[in-house]
């Protein structure tokens, strides 16, 4: 259970984050940061420039369009830094072996082409490693997307399509498909939460939420202040996924097809629209507090009882390290 939040939210921040493997990534209006706890107990911090503020491209600002583009960008960036955080947990002996192998390869390359300048050779090696990593990353994202489509788009429609009495009733069929999707999602997240490594990642997820809540309460980012905050947040990615599942039910009610494969194709074609509407819904829920937005946020907040856990102090320290570089000097840039 989450601890009660003893402080009031004073503003809504643009800063968002993601739990990594033994770390946290935060993205602010102008800066992004990844902080990880290394195997030796030290904190590793990486920062980079971001463009999420007023000067962001038009396709990240226009309603409906921004939902799709921001989702894809977040997906790619999240996977990239998830892989980086995993690499940082590599044991020292494996790292040394990897470095030795790289040195041997470089020596062989230098012997084969003795006329190449050292600076050019290093540049080529970096470009080669970078392109190989990018290919592997995009293949991983593609595999994850295909798995998600199979599990949460194709399978529910196939299961409901086996029930003869609902085949021709598109409203009832859409509702049942949505309920199957939600059930699969909840069961999947619950089963993954039983894994030790995933539980730790969910604890980092809790640290990320609590740190953002502390920042939005305009309190100093200390372990003591953050520990008091709630680990549940309305603008969480878990809530966004739940809203996507709910919106997809309503959108599919307007699809006249009753043949299973046709409904699968229609779901894929309409997915950008569903994501765009869902993004606007979560913005609405994040910016307002009324009966409608509370109902809209309730399923996602309930789901966060699985996807977030109370963090320990060392995890909160990582969240502080990741958050601090992302806070802009101009507070107006930070307002959601």
C-alpha atoms as a PDB file:
ATOM      1  CA  UNK A   1       0.000   0.000   0.000  1.00  0.00           C
ATOM      2  CA  UNK A   2       1.203   3.529  -0.705  1.00  0.00           C
ATOM      3  CA  UNK A   3       1.922   5.969   2.069  1.00  0.00           C
ATOM      4  CA  UNK A   4      -0.344   8.965   2.344  1.00  0.00           C
ATOM      5  CA  UNK A   5       0.833  12.170   0.764  1.00  0.00           C
ATOM      6  CA  UNK A   6       1.224  14.757   3.522  1.00  0.00           C
ATOM      7  CA  UNK A   7       1.921  17.625   1.125  1.00  0.00           C
ATOM      8  CA  UNK A   8      -0.117  19.420  -1.503  1.00  0.00           C
ATOM      9  CA  UNK A   9       0.778  19.581  -5.186  1.00  0.00           C
ATOM     10  CA  UNK A  10       1.545  23.240  -5.999  1.00  0.00           C
ATOM     11  CA  UNK A  11       2.106  22.866  -9.735  1.00  0.00           C
ATOM     12  CA  UNK A  12       2.250  20.163 -12.417  1.00  0.00           C
ATOM     13  CA  UNK A  13       5.723  19.515 -13.782  1.00  0.00           C
ATOM     14  CA  UNK A  14       6.673  18.573 -17.340  1.00  0.00           C
ATOM     15  CA  UNK A  15       9.382  16.307 -15.985  1.00  0.00           C
ATOM     16  CA  UNK A  16       8.634  12.640 -16.512  1.00  0.00           C
ATOM     17  CA  UNK A  17      10.634   9.526 -15.971  1.00  0.00           C
ATOM     18  CA  UNK A  18      11.083   5.806 -16.386  1.00  0.00           C
ATOM     19  CA  UNK A  19      12.448   3.112 -14.126  1.00  0.00           C
ATOM     20  CA  UNK A  20      15.470   1.307 -15.547  1.00  0.00           C
ATOM     21  CA  UNK A  21      17.576  -1.625 -14.370  1.00  0.00           C
ATOM     22  CA  UNK A  22      19.024  -0.389 -11.064  1.00  0.00           C
ATOM     23  CA  UNK A  23      18.394   3.165 -12.212  1.00  0.00           C
ATOM     24  CA  UNK A  24      16.026   5.904 -13.324  1.00  0.00           C
ATOM     25  CA  UNK A  25      15.784   8.102 -16.405  1.00  0.00           C
ATOM     26  CA  UNK A  26      14.243  11.580 -16.149  1.00  0.00           C
ATOM     27  CA  UNK A  27      13.308  13.859 -19.043  1.00  0.00           C
ATOM     28  CA  UNK A  28      12.854  17.585 -18.499  1.00  0.00           C
ATOM     29  CA  UNK A  29      12.083  20.482 -20.860  1.00  0.00           C
ATOM     30  CA  UNK A  30      15.748  21.074 -21.723  1.00  0.00           C
ATOM     31  CA  UNK A  31      17.730  18.221 -20.149  1.00  0.00           C
ATOM     32  CA  UNK A  32      17.536  14.472 -19.819  1.00  0.00           C
ATOM     33  CA  UNK A  33      19.414  12.373 -17.265  1.00  0.00           C
ATOM     34  CA  UNK A  34      20.001   8.734 -16.398  1.00  0.00           C
ATOM     35  CA  UNK A  35      21.284   7.752 -12.970  1.00  0.00           C
ATOM     36  CA  UNK A  36      22.244   4.147 -12.173  1.00  0.00           C
ATOM     37  CA  UNK A  37      23.570   2.355  -9.119  1.00  0.00           C
ATOM     38  CA  UNK A  38      26.671   0.483 -10.263  1.00  0.00           C
ATOM     39  CA  UNK A  39      27.615  -2.941  -8.850  1.00  0.00           C
ATOM     40  CA  UNK A  40      30.298  -1.286  -6.673  1.00  0.00           C
ATOM     41  CA  UNK A  41      27.641   0.935  -5.035  1.00  0.00           C
ATOM     42  CA  UNK A  42      28.612   4.198  -6.735  1.00  0.00           C
ATOM     43  CA  UNK A  43      26.196   6.373  -8.728  1.00  0.00           C
ATOM     44  CA  UNK A  44      26.719   6.761 -12.473  1.00  0.00           C
ATOM     45  CA  UNK A  45      25.077   9.825 -14.040  1.00  0.00           C
ATOM     46  CA  UNK A  46      24.631  10.674 -17.716  1.00  0.00           C
ATOM     47  CA  UNK A  47      22.989  13.875 -18.984  1.00  0.00           C
ATOM     48  CA  UNK A  48      22.033  15.107 -22.447  1.00  0.00           C
ATOM     49  CA  UNK A  49      20.135  17.954 -24.110  1.00  0.00           C
ATOM     50  CA  UNK A  50      16.377  17.665 -24.689  1.00  0.00           C
ATOM     51  CA  UNK A  51      13.899  19.759 -26.668  1.00  0.00           C
ATOM     52  CA  UNK A  52      10.593  19.262 -24.852  1.00  0.00           C
ATOM     53  CA  UNK A  53       9.841  22.912 -24.147  1.00  0.00           C
ATOM     54  CA  UNK A  54       8.351  25.767 -26.144  1.00  0.00           C
ATOM     55  CA  UNK A  55      10.768  25.248 -29.030  1.00  0.00           C
ATOM     56  CA  UNK A  56       9.724  21.619 -29.549  1.00  0.00           C
ATOM     57  CA  UNK A  57       8.694  20.680 -33.133  1.00  0.00           C
ATOM     58  CA  UNK A  58       5.064  21.275 -34.160  1.00  0.00           C
ATOM     59  CA  UNK A  59       4.274  17.547 -34.287  1.00  0.00           C
ATOM     60  CA  UNK A  60       4.941  17.341 -30.543  1.00  0.00           C
ATOM     61  CA  UNK A  61       2.445  20.121 -29.820  1.00  0.00           C
ATOM     62  CA  UNK A  62      -0.573  19.581 -32.105  1.00  0.00           C
ATOM     63  CA  UNK A  63      -3.439  17.711 -30.333  1.00  0.00           C
ATOM     64  CA  UNK A  64      -3.889  14.054 -31.409  1.00  0.00           C
ATOM     65  CA  UNK A  65      -0.680  14.178 -33.484  1.00  0.00           C
ATOM     66  CA  UNK A  66       1.497  14.826 -30.410  1.00  0.00           C
ATOM     67  CA  UNK A  67       0.190  11.701 -28.686  1.00  0.00           C
ATOM     68  CA  UNK A  68       1.513   9.367 -31.394  1.00  0.00           C
ATOM     69  CA  UNK A  69       4.856  11.112 -31.886  1.00  0.00           C
ATOM     70  CA  UNK A  70       5.550  11.460 -28.154  1.00  0.00           C
ATOM     71  CA  UNK A  71       4.641   7.803 -27.624  1.00  0.00           C
ATOM     72  CA  UNK A  72       7.043   6.596 -30.332  1.00  0.00           C
ATOM     73  CA  UNK A  73       9.844   8.885 -29.124  1.00  0.00           C
ATOM     74  CA  UNK A  74       9.336   7.713 -25.524  1.00  0.00           C
ATOM     75  CA  UNK A  75       9.324   4.071 -26.641  1.00  0.00           C
ATOM     76  CA  UNK A  76      12.607   4.376 -28.531  1.00  0.00           C
ATOM     77  CA  UNK A  77      14.319   6.479 -25.874  1.00  0.00           C
ATOM     78  CA  UNK A  78      13.071   4.272 -23.045  1.00  0.00           C
ATOM     79  CA  UNK A  79      14.363   1.092 -24.686  1.00  0.00           C
ATOM     80  CA  UNK A  80      17.696   2.732 -25.492  1.00  0.00           C
ATOM     81  CA  UNK A  81      18.386   3.731 -21.897  1.00  0.00           C
ATOM     82  CA  UNK A  82      17.004   0.454 -20.551  1.00  0.00           C
ATOM     83  CA  UNK A  83      19.690  -1.334 -22.585  1.00  0.00           C
ATOM     84  CA  UNK A  84      22.328   1.131 -21.383  1.00  0.00           C
ATOM     85  CA  UNK A  85      21.354   0.585 -17.748  1.00  0.00           C
ATOM     86  CA  UNK A  86      21.610  -3.189 -18.254  1.00  0.00           C
ATOM     87  CA  UNK A  87      25.128  -2.796 -19.659  1.00  0.00           C
ATOM     88  CA  UNK A  88      26.171  -0.852 -16.566  1.00  0.00           C
ATOM     89  CA  UNK A  89      25.284  -3.868 -14.397  1.00  0.00           C
ATOM     90  CA  UNK A  90      27.761  -6.064 -16.267  1.00  0.00           C
ATOM     91  CA  UNK A  91      30.283  -7.663 -13.854  1.00  0.00           C
ATOM     92  CA  UNK A  92      33.797  -6.205 -13.961  1.00  0.00           C
ATOM     93  CA  UNK A  93      35.399  -9.400 -15.286  1.00  0.00           C
ATOM     94  CA  UNK A  94      32.966  -9.439 -18.234  1.00  0.00           C
ATOM     95  CA  UNK A  95      33.687  -5.765 -18.916  1.00  0.00           C
ATOM     96  CA  UNK A  96      37.445  -6.405 -18.856  1.00  0.00           C
ATOM     97  CA  UNK A  97      37.027  -9.341 -21.241  1.00  0.00           C
ATOM     98  CA  UNK A  98      34.906  -7.169 -23.548  1.00  0.00           C
ATOM     99  CA  UNK A  99      37.499  -4.341 -23.443  1.00  0.00           C
ATOM    100  CA  UNK A 100      40.281  -6.831 -24.174  1.00  0.00           C
ATOM    101  CA  UNK A 101      38.375  -8.224 -27.144  1.00  0.00           C
ATOM    102  CA  UNK A 102      37.790  -4.706 -28.484  1.00  0.00           C
ATOM    103  CA  UNK A 103      41.500  -3.897 -28.108  1.00  0.00           C
ATOM    104  CA  UNK A 104      42.489  -7.097 -29.936  1.00  0.00           C
ATOM    105  CA  UNK A 105      40.078  -6.268 -32.764  1.00  0.00           C
ATOM    106  CA  UNK A 106      41.469  -2.738 -32.985  1.00  0.00           C
ATOM    107  CA  UNK A 107      45.052  -4.081 -33.068  1.00  0.00           C
ATOM    108  CA  UNK A 108      44.125  -6.455 -35.895  1.00  0.00           C
ATOM    109  CA  UNK A 109      42.469  -3.652 -37.819  1.00  0.00           C
ATOM    110  CA  UNK A 110      45.518  -1.422 -37.313  1.00  0.00           C
ATOM    111  CA  UNK A 111      47.848  -4.177 -38.559  1.00  0.00           C
ATOM    112  CA  UNK A 112      45.666  -4.781 -41.616  1.00  0.00           C
ATOM    113  CA  UNK A 113      45.609  -1.075 -42.480  1.00  0.00           C
ATOM    114  CA  UNK A 114      48.778   0.532 -41.216  1.00  0.00           C
ATOM    115  CA  UNK A 115      48.205   3.619 -43.352  1.00  0.00           C
ATOM    116  CA  UNK A 116      45.016   4.650 -41.484  1.00  0.00           C
ATOM    117  CA  UNK A 117      45.365   7.611 -39.137  1.00  0.00           C
ATOM    118  CA  UNK A 118      44.693   6.802 -35.430  1.00  0.00           C
ATOM    119  CA  UNK A 119      41.997   9.475 -35.146  1.00  0.00           C
ATOM    120  CA  UNK A 120      40.164   8.250 -38.239  1.00  0.00           C
ATOM    121  CA  UNK A 121      40.421   4.628 -37.061  1.00  0.00           C
ATOM    122  CA  UNK A 122      38.861   5.469 -33.688  1.00  0.00           C
ATOM    123  CA  UNK A 123      36.085   7.398 -35.379  1.00  0.00           C
ATOM    124  CA  UNK A 124      35.322   4.458 -37.700  1.00  0.00           C
ATOM    125  CA  UNK A 125      35.292   2.029 -34.765  1.00  0.00           C
ATOM    126  CA  UNK A 126      32.836   4.221 -32.854  1.00  0.00           C
ATOM    127  CA  UNK A 127      30.586   4.601 -35.882  1.00  0.00           C
ATOM    128  CA  UNK A 128      30.641   0.822 -36.418  1.00  0.00           C
ATOM    129  CA  UNK A 129      29.799   0.081 -32.783  1.00  0.00           C
ATOM    130  CA  UNK A 130      27.075   2.752 -32.775  1.00  0.00           C
ATOM    131  CA  UNK A 131      25.399   1.462 -35.949  1.00  0.00           C
ATOM    132  CA  UNK A 132      25.481  -2.119 -34.613  1.00  0.00           C
ATOM    133  CA  UNK A 133      23.925  -1.017 -31.339  1.00  0.00           C
ATOM    134  CA  UNK A 134      21.206   0.968 -33.170  1.00  0.00           C
ATOM    135  CA  UNK A 135      20.283  -2.047 -35.319  1.00  0.00           C
ATOM    136  CA  UNK A 136      20.063  -4.271 -32.251  1.00  0.00           C
ATOM    137  CA  UNK A 137      17.987  -1.649 -30.430  1.00  0.00           C
ATOM    138  CA  UNK A 138      15.470  -1.205 -33.249  1.00  0.00           C
ATOM    139  CA  UNK A 139      15.162  -4.978 -33.674  1.00  0.00           C
ATOM    140  CA  UNK A 140      14.418  -5.251 -29.954  1.00  0.00           C
ATOM    141  CA  UNK A 141      11.745  -2.552 -30.194  1.00  0.00           C
ATOM    142  CA  UNK A 142      10.227  -4.246 -33.261  1.00  0.00           C
ATOM    143  CA  UNK A 143      10.117  -7.599 -31.452  1.00  0.00           C
ATOM    144  CA  UNK A 144       8.448  -5.975 -28.422  1.00  0.00           C
ATOM    145  CA  UNK A 145       5.841  -4.237 -30.596  1.00  0.00           C
ATOM    146  CA  UNK A 146       5.053  -7.473 -32.480  1.00  0.00           C
ATOM    147  CA  UNK A 147       4.674  -9.343 -29.179  1.00  0.00           C
ATOM    148  CA  UNK A 148       2.373  -6.631 -27.798  1.00  0.00           C
ATOM    149  CA  UNK A 149       0.221  -6.686 -30.957  1.00  0.00           C
ATOM    150  CA  UNK A 150      -0.035 -10.461 -30.776  1.00  0.00           C
ATOM    151  CA  UNK A 151      -0.948 -10.523 -27.093  1.00  0.00           C
ATOM    152  CA  UNK A 152      -3.173  -7.452 -26.769  1.00  0.00           C
ATOM    153  CA  UNK A 153      -4.663  -7.018 -30.284  1.00  0.00           C
ATOM    154  CA  UNK A 154      -4.824 -10.360 -32.063  1.00  0.00           C
ATOM    155  CA  UNK A 155      -5.369 -12.769 -29.160  1.00  0.00           C
ATOM    156  CA  UNK A 156      -8.409 -10.991 -27.583  1.00  0.00           C
ATOM    157  CA  UNK A 157     -10.149 -10.720 -30.951  1.00  0.00           C
ATOM    158  CA  UNK A 158      -9.443 -14.364 -31.740  1.00  0.00           C
ATOM    159  CA  UNK A 159     -10.753 -15.494 -28.327  1.00  0.00           C
ATOM    160  CA  UNK A 160     -13.980 -13.463 -28.584  1.00  0.00           C
ATOM    161  CA  UNK A 161     -14.372 -14.520 -32.228  1.00  0.00           C
ATOM    162  CA  UNK A 162     -14.747 -18.109 -30.999  1.00  0.00           C
ATOM    163  CA  UNK A 163     -18.004 -17.227 -29.213  1.00  0.00           C
ATOM    164  CA  UNK A 164     -20.788 -17.699 -31.804  1.00  0.00           C
ATOM    165  CA  UNK A 165     -23.472 -15.751 -29.919  1.00  0.00           C
ATOM    166  CA  UNK A 166     -21.548 -12.424 -30.003  1.00  0.00           C
ATOM    167  CA  UNK A 167     -20.013 -12.560 -33.487  1.00  0.00           C
ATOM    168  CA  UNK A 168     -22.558 -10.254 -35.107  1.00  0.00           C
ATOM    169  CA  UNK A 169     -23.023  -7.853 -32.164  1.00  0.00           C
ATOM    170  CA  UNK A 170     -20.208  -5.339 -32.612  1.00  0.00           C
ATOM    171  CA  UNK A 171     -20.909  -3.336 -29.424  1.00  0.00           C
ATOM    172  CA  UNK A 172     -20.956  -6.418 -27.213  1.00  0.00           C
ATOM    173  CA  UNK A 173     -18.016  -7.869 -29.096  1.00  0.00           C
ATOM    174  CA  UNK A 174     -15.954  -4.682 -28.657  1.00  0.00           C
ATOM    175  CA  UNK A 175     -16.725  -4.667 -24.932  1.00  0.00           C
ATOM    176  CA  UNK A 176     -15.716  -8.327 -24.504  1.00  0.00           C
ATOM    177  CA  UNK A 177     -12.526  -7.817 -26.529  1.00  0.00           C
ATOM    178  CA  UNK A 178     -11.654  -4.872 -24.301  1.00  0.00           C
ATOM    179  CA  UNK A 179     -12.317  -6.863 -21.121  1.00  0.00           C
ATOM    180  CA  UNK A 180     -10.108  -9.708 -22.391  1.00  0.00           C
ATOM    181  CA  UNK A 181      -7.337  -7.185 -23.220  1.00  0.00           C
ATOM    182  CA  UNK A 182      -7.529  -5.600 -19.776  1.00  0.00           C
ATOM    183  CA  UNK A 183      -7.538  -9.019 -18.088  1.00  0.00           C
ATOM    184  CA  UNK A 184      -4.490 -10.148 -20.073  1.00  0.00           C
ATOM    185  CA  UNK A 185      -2.681  -6.909 -19.240  1.00  0.00           C
ATOM    186  CA  UNK A 186      -3.381  -7.151 -15.505  1.00  0.00           C
ATOM    187  CA  UNK A 187      -2.406 -10.841 -15.359  1.00  0.00           C
ATOM    188  CA  UNK A 188       0.750 -10.185 -17.390  1.00  0.00           C
ATOM    189  CA  UNK A 189       1.859  -7.319 -15.139  1.00  0.00           C
ATOM    190  CA  UNK A 190       1.052  -9.309 -11.981  1.00  0.00           C
ATOM    191  CA  UNK A 191       3.039 -12.347 -13.136  1.00  0.00           C
ATOM    192  CA  UNK A 192       6.036 -10.230 -14.147  1.00  0.00           C
ATOM    193  CA  UNK A 193       5.897  -8.457 -10.764  1.00  0.00           C
ATOM    194  CA  UNK A 194       6.650 -11.811  -9.099  1.00  0.00           C
ATOM    195  CA  UNK A 195      10.150 -11.778 -10.604  1.00  0.00           C
ATOM    196  CA  UNK A 196      12.802 -10.414  -8.249  1.00  0.00           C
ATOM    197  CA  UNK A 197      14.451  -8.103 -10.816  1.00  0.00           C
ATOM    198  CA  UNK A 198      11.090  -6.698 -11.942  1.00  0.00           C
ATOM    199  CA  UNK A 199      10.069  -6.052  -8.311  1.00  0.00           C
ATOM    200  CA  UNK A 200      13.224  -3.973  -7.885  1.00  0.00           C
ATOM    201  CA  UNK A 201      12.435  -2.095 -11.090  1.00  0.00           C
ATOM    202  CA  UNK A 202       8.943  -1.378  -9.743  1.00  0.00           C
ATOM    203  CA  UNK A 203      10.572  -0.014  -6.572  1.00  0.00           C
ATOM    204  CA  UNK A 204      12.603   2.371  -8.731  1.00  0.00           C
ATOM    205  CA  UNK A 205       9.319   3.261 -10.465  1.00  0.00           C
ATOM    206  CA  UNK A 206       7.936   4.197  -7.050  1.00  0.00           C
ATOM    207  CA  UNK A 207      11.025   6.303  -6.322  1.00  0.00           C
ATOM    208  CA  UNK A 208      10.553   8.130  -9.633  1.00  0.00           C
ATOM    209  CA  UNK A 209       6.905   8.987  -8.837  1.00  0.00           C
ATOM    210  CA  UNK A 210       7.624  10.068  -5.271  1.00  0.00           C
ATOM    211  CA  UNK A 211      10.484  12.324  -6.378  1.00  0.00           C
ATOM    212  CA  UNK A 212       8.345  14.021  -9.033  1.00  0.00           C
ATOM    213  CA  UNK A 213       5.583  14.475  -6.419  1.00  0.00           C
ATOM    214  CA  UNK A 214       8.090  16.091  -4.038  1.00  0.00           C
ATOM    215  CA  UNK A 215       9.241  18.444  -6.810  1.00  0.00           C
ATOM    216  CA  UNK A 216       5.616  19.354  -7.618  1.00  0.00           C
ATOM    217  CA  UNK A 217       5.032  20.092  -3.923  1.00  0.00           C
ATOM    218  CA  UNK A 218       7.981  22.523  -4.165  1.00  0.00           C
ATOM    219  CA  UNK A 219       9.886  20.812  -1.360  1.00  0.00           C
ATOM    220  CA  UNK A 220      13.663  20.323  -1.294  1.00  0.00           C
ATOM    221  CA  UNK A 221      14.632  17.021  -2.911  1.00  0.00           C
ATOM    222  CA  UNK A 222      15.801  15.142   0.172  1.00  0.00           C
ATOM    223  CA  UNK A 223      15.305  11.484   1.052  1.00  0.00           C
ATOM    224  CA  UNK A 224      13.184  12.483   4.065  1.00  0.00           C
ATOM    225  CA  UNK A 225      10.828  14.703   2.032  1.00  0.00           C
ATOM    226  CA  UNK A 226      10.502  12.226  -0.833  1.00  0.00           C
ATOM    227  CA  UNK A 227       9.806   9.283   1.434  1.00  0.00           C
ATOM    228  CA  UNK A 228       6.576  10.996   2.608  1.00  0.00           C
ATOM    229  CA  UNK A 229       5.131  11.325  -0.907  1.00  0.00           C
ATOM    230  CA  UNK A 230       2.644   9.031  -2.623  1.00  0.00           C
ATOM    231  CA  UNK A 231       3.990   6.541  -5.126  1.00  0.00           C
ATOM    232  CA  UNK A 232       0.854   6.911  -7.278  1.00  0.00           C
ATOM    233  CA  UNK A 233       0.755   9.489 -10.065  1.00  0.00           C
ATOM    234  CA  UNK A 234      -2.046  10.283 -12.536  1.00  0.00           C
ATOM    235  CA  UNK A 235       0.308  11.016 -15.443  1.00  0.00           C
ATOM    236  CA  UNK A 236       2.103   7.666 -15.226  1.00  0.00           C
ATOM    237  CA  UNK A 237       2.748   5.471 -18.264  1.00  0.00           C
ATOM    238  CA  UNK A 238       0.748   2.680 -16.611  1.00  0.00           C
ATOM    239  CA  UNK A 239      -2.286   4.974 -16.490  1.00  0.00           C
ATOM    240  CA  UNK A 240      -1.699   5.900 -20.128  1.00  0.00           C
ATOM    241  CA  UNK A 241      -1.731   2.239 -21.212  1.00  0.00           C
ATOM    242  CA  UNK A 242      -4.944   1.644 -19.292  1.00  0.00           C
ATOM    243  CA  UNK A 243      -6.575   4.643 -20.974  1.00  0.00           C
ATOM    244  CA  UNK A 244      -5.439   3.276 -24.364  1.00  0.00           C
ATOM    245  CA  UNK A 245      -7.202  -0.013 -23.565  1.00  0.00           C
ATOM    246  CA  UNK A 246     -10.391   1.791 -22.523  1.00  0.00           C
ATOM    247  CA  UNK A 247     -10.415   4.179 -25.521  1.00  0.00           C
ATOM    248  CA  UNK A 248      -9.868   1.255 -27.892  1.00  0.00           C
ATOM    249  CA  UNK A 249     -13.144  -0.293 -26.667  1.00  0.00           C
ATOM    250  CA  UNK A 250     -15.130   2.816 -27.619  1.00  0.00           C
ATOM    251  CA  UNK A 251     -13.351   3.269 -30.962  1.00  0.00           C
ATOM    252  CA  UNK A 252     -13.920  -0.364 -31.973  1.00  0.00           C
ATOM    253  CA  UNK A 253     -17.640   0.021 -31.266  1.00  0.00           C
ATOM    254  CA  UNK A 254     -17.817   2.116 -34.454  1.00  0.00           C
ATOM    255  CA  UNK A 255     -16.075  -0.510 -36.588  1.00  0.00           C
ATOM    256  CA  UNK A 256     -18.742  -2.413 -38.570  1.00  0.00           C
ATOM    257  CA  UNK A 257     -16.570  -5.467 -39.339  1.00  0.00           C
ATOM    258  CA  UNK A 258     -17.454  -8.775 -37.682  1.00  0.00           C
ATOM    259  CA  UNK A 259     -14.820 -11.023 -39.289  1.00  0.00           C
ATOM    260  CA  UNK A 260     -11.903 -11.496 -36.871  1.00  0.00           C
ATOM    261  CA  UNK A 261      -9.037 -10.747 -39.263  1.00  0.00           C
ATOM    262  CA  UNK A 262     -10.828  -7.614 -40.497  1.00  0.00           C
ATOM    263  CA  UNK A 263     -11.207  -6.370 -36.916  1.00  0.00           C
ATOM    264  CA  UNK A 264      -7.501  -7.001 -36.299  1.00  0.00           C
ATOM    265  CA  UNK A 265      -6.546  -4.927 -39.359  1.00  0.00           C
ATOM    266  CA  UNK A 266      -8.982  -2.182 -38.322  1.00  0.00           C
ATOM    267  CA  UNK A 267      -7.420  -2.094 -34.820  1.00  0.00           C
ATOM    268  CA  UNK A 268      -3.944  -1.627 -36.287  1.00  0.00           C
ATOM    269  CA  UNK A 269      -5.091   1.082 -38.702  1.00  0.00           C
ATOM    270  CA  UNK A 270      -6.915   2.949 -35.918  1.00  0.00           C
ATOM    271  CA  UNK A 271      -4.116   2.540 -33.354  1.00  0.00           C
ATOM    272  CA  UNK A 272      -2.594   6.020 -34.014  1.00  0.00           C
ATOM    273  CA  UNK A 273      -6.031   7.581 -33.453  1.00  0.00           C
ATOM    274  CA  UNK A 274      -6.522   5.578 -30.228  1.00  0.00           C
ATOM    275  CA  UNK A 275      -3.083   6.616 -28.933  1.00  0.00           C
ATOM    276  CA  UNK A 276      -3.727  10.263 -29.878  1.00  0.00           C
ATOM    277  CA  UNK A 277      -7.095  10.355 -28.075  1.00  0.00           C
ATOM    278  CA  UNK A 278      -5.620   8.560 -25.044  1.00  0.00           C
ATOM    279  CA  UNK A 279      -2.796  11.097 -24.776  1.00  0.00           C
ATOM    280  CA  UNK A 280      -5.284  13.963 -24.729  1.00  0.00           C
ATOM    281  CA  UNK A 281      -7.311  12.105 -22.078  1.00  0.00           C
ATOM    282  CA  UNK A 282      -4.311  11.669 -19.787  1.00  0.00           C
ATOM    283  CA  UNK A 283      -3.429  15.344 -20.222  1.00  0.00           C
ATOM    284  CA  UNK A 284      -7.011  16.205 -19.276  1.00  0.00           C
ATOM    285  CA  UNK A 285      -6.849  13.924 -16.244  1.00  0.00           C
ATOM    286  CA  UNK A 286      -3.479  15.326 -15.237  1.00  0.00           C
ATOM    287  CA  UNK A 287      -4.617  18.947 -15.469  1.00  0.00           C
ATOM    288  CA  UNK A 288      -8.016  18.644 -13.778  1.00  0.00           C
ATOM    289  CA  UNK A 289      -9.517  17.172 -10.654  1.00  0.00           C
ATOM    290  CA  UNK A 290     -13.238  16.466 -11.020  1.00  0.00           C
ATOM    291  CA  UNK A 291     -15.554  13.467 -11.008  1.00  0.00           C
ATOM    292  CA  UNK A 292     -14.907  12.590 -14.659  1.00  0.00           C
ATOM    293  CA  UNK A 293     -11.096  12.775 -14.418  1.00  0.00           C
ATOM    294  CA  UNK A 294     -11.104  10.843 -11.136  1.00  0.00           C
ATOM    295  CA  UNK A 295     -13.094   8.045 -12.811  1.00  0.00           C
ATOM    296  CA  UNK A 296     -10.774   8.191 -15.835  1.00  0.00           C
ATOM    297  CA  UNK A 297      -7.665   7.955 -13.643  1.00  0.00           C
ATOM    298  CA  UNK A 298      -8.975   5.311 -11.220  1.00  0.00           C
ATOM    299  CA  UNK A 299      -8.066   2.137 -13.206  1.00  0.00           C
ATOM    300  CA  UNK A 300      -4.510   3.319 -13.906  1.00  0.00           C
ATOM    301  CA  UNK A 301      -3.950   4.387 -10.291  1.00  0.00           C
ATOM    302  CA  UNK A 302      -5.246   1.005  -9.132  1.00  0.00           C
ATOM    303  CA  UNK A 303      -2.875  -0.727 -11.544  1.00  0.00           C
ATOM    304  CA  UNK A 304       0.026   1.211 -10.044  1.00  0.00           C
ATOM    305  CA  UNK A 305      -0.413  -0.886  -6.912  1.00  0.00           C
ATOM    306  CA  UNK A 306       1.263  -3.588  -9.006  1.00  0.00           C
ATOM    307  CA  UNK A 307       3.670  -1.533 -11.134  1.00  0.00           C
ATOM    308  CA  UNK A 308       5.070   0.633  -8.304  1.00  0.00           C
ATOM    309  CA  UNK A 309       6.503  -0.406  -4.938  1.00  0.00           C
ATOM    310  CA  UNK A 310       7.795   1.532  -1.973  1.00  0.00           C
ATOM    311  CA  UNK A 311      11.501   2.241  -2.646  1.00  0.00           C
ATOM    312  CA  UNK A 312      14.392   2.111  -0.202  1.00  0.00           C
ATOM    313  CA  UNK A 313      16.534   5.170   0.522  1.00  0.00           C
ATOM    314  CA  UNK A 314      19.284   4.169  -1.928  1.00  0.00           C
ATOM    315  CA  UNK A 315      16.718   4.136  -4.762  1.00  0.00           C
ATOM    316  CA  UNK A 316      15.433   7.558  -3.751  1.00  0.00           C
ATOM    317  CA  UNK A 317      19.020   8.837  -3.930  1.00  0.00           C
ATOM    318  CA  UNK A 318      19.177   7.603  -7.544  1.00  0.00           C
ATOM    319  CA  UNK A 319      15.897   9.392  -8.328  1.00  0.00           C
ATOM    320  CA  UNK A 320      17.261  12.642  -6.863  1.00  0.00           C
ATOM    321  CA  UNK A 321      20.442  12.308  -8.944  1.00  0.00           C
ATOM    322  CA  UNK A 322      18.389  11.811 -12.125  1.00  0.00           C
ATOM    323  CA  UNK A 323      15.860  14.562 -11.364  1.00  0.00           C
ATOM    324  CA  UNK A 324      18.230  17.366 -10.334  1.00  0.00           C
ATOM    325  CA  UNK A 325      19.841  18.082 -13.761  1.00  0.00           C
ATOM    326  CA  UNK A 326      16.390  18.083 -15.428  1.00  0.00           C
ATOM    327  CA  UNK A 327      14.909  20.937 -13.380  1.00  0.00           C
ATOM    328  CA  UNK A 328      15.055  24.106 -15.527  1.00  0.00           C
ATOM    329  CA  UNK A 329      16.192  27.381 -14.029  1.00  0.00           C
ATOM    330  CA  UNK A 330      13.047  29.066 -15.384  1.00  0.00           C
ATOM    331  CA  UNK A 331      10.080  27.574 -13.545  1.00  0.00           C
ATOM    332  CA  UNK A 332       7.673  28.632 -16.305  1.00  0.00           C
ATOM    333  CA  UNK A 333       9.379  26.153 -18.650  1.00  0.00           C
ATOM    334  CA  UNK A 334       8.626  23.355 -16.190  1.00  0.00           C
ATOM    335  CA  UNK A 335       4.852  23.866 -16.009  1.00  0.00           C
ATOM    336  CA  UNK A 336       2.787  21.092 -17.626  1.00  0.00           C
END
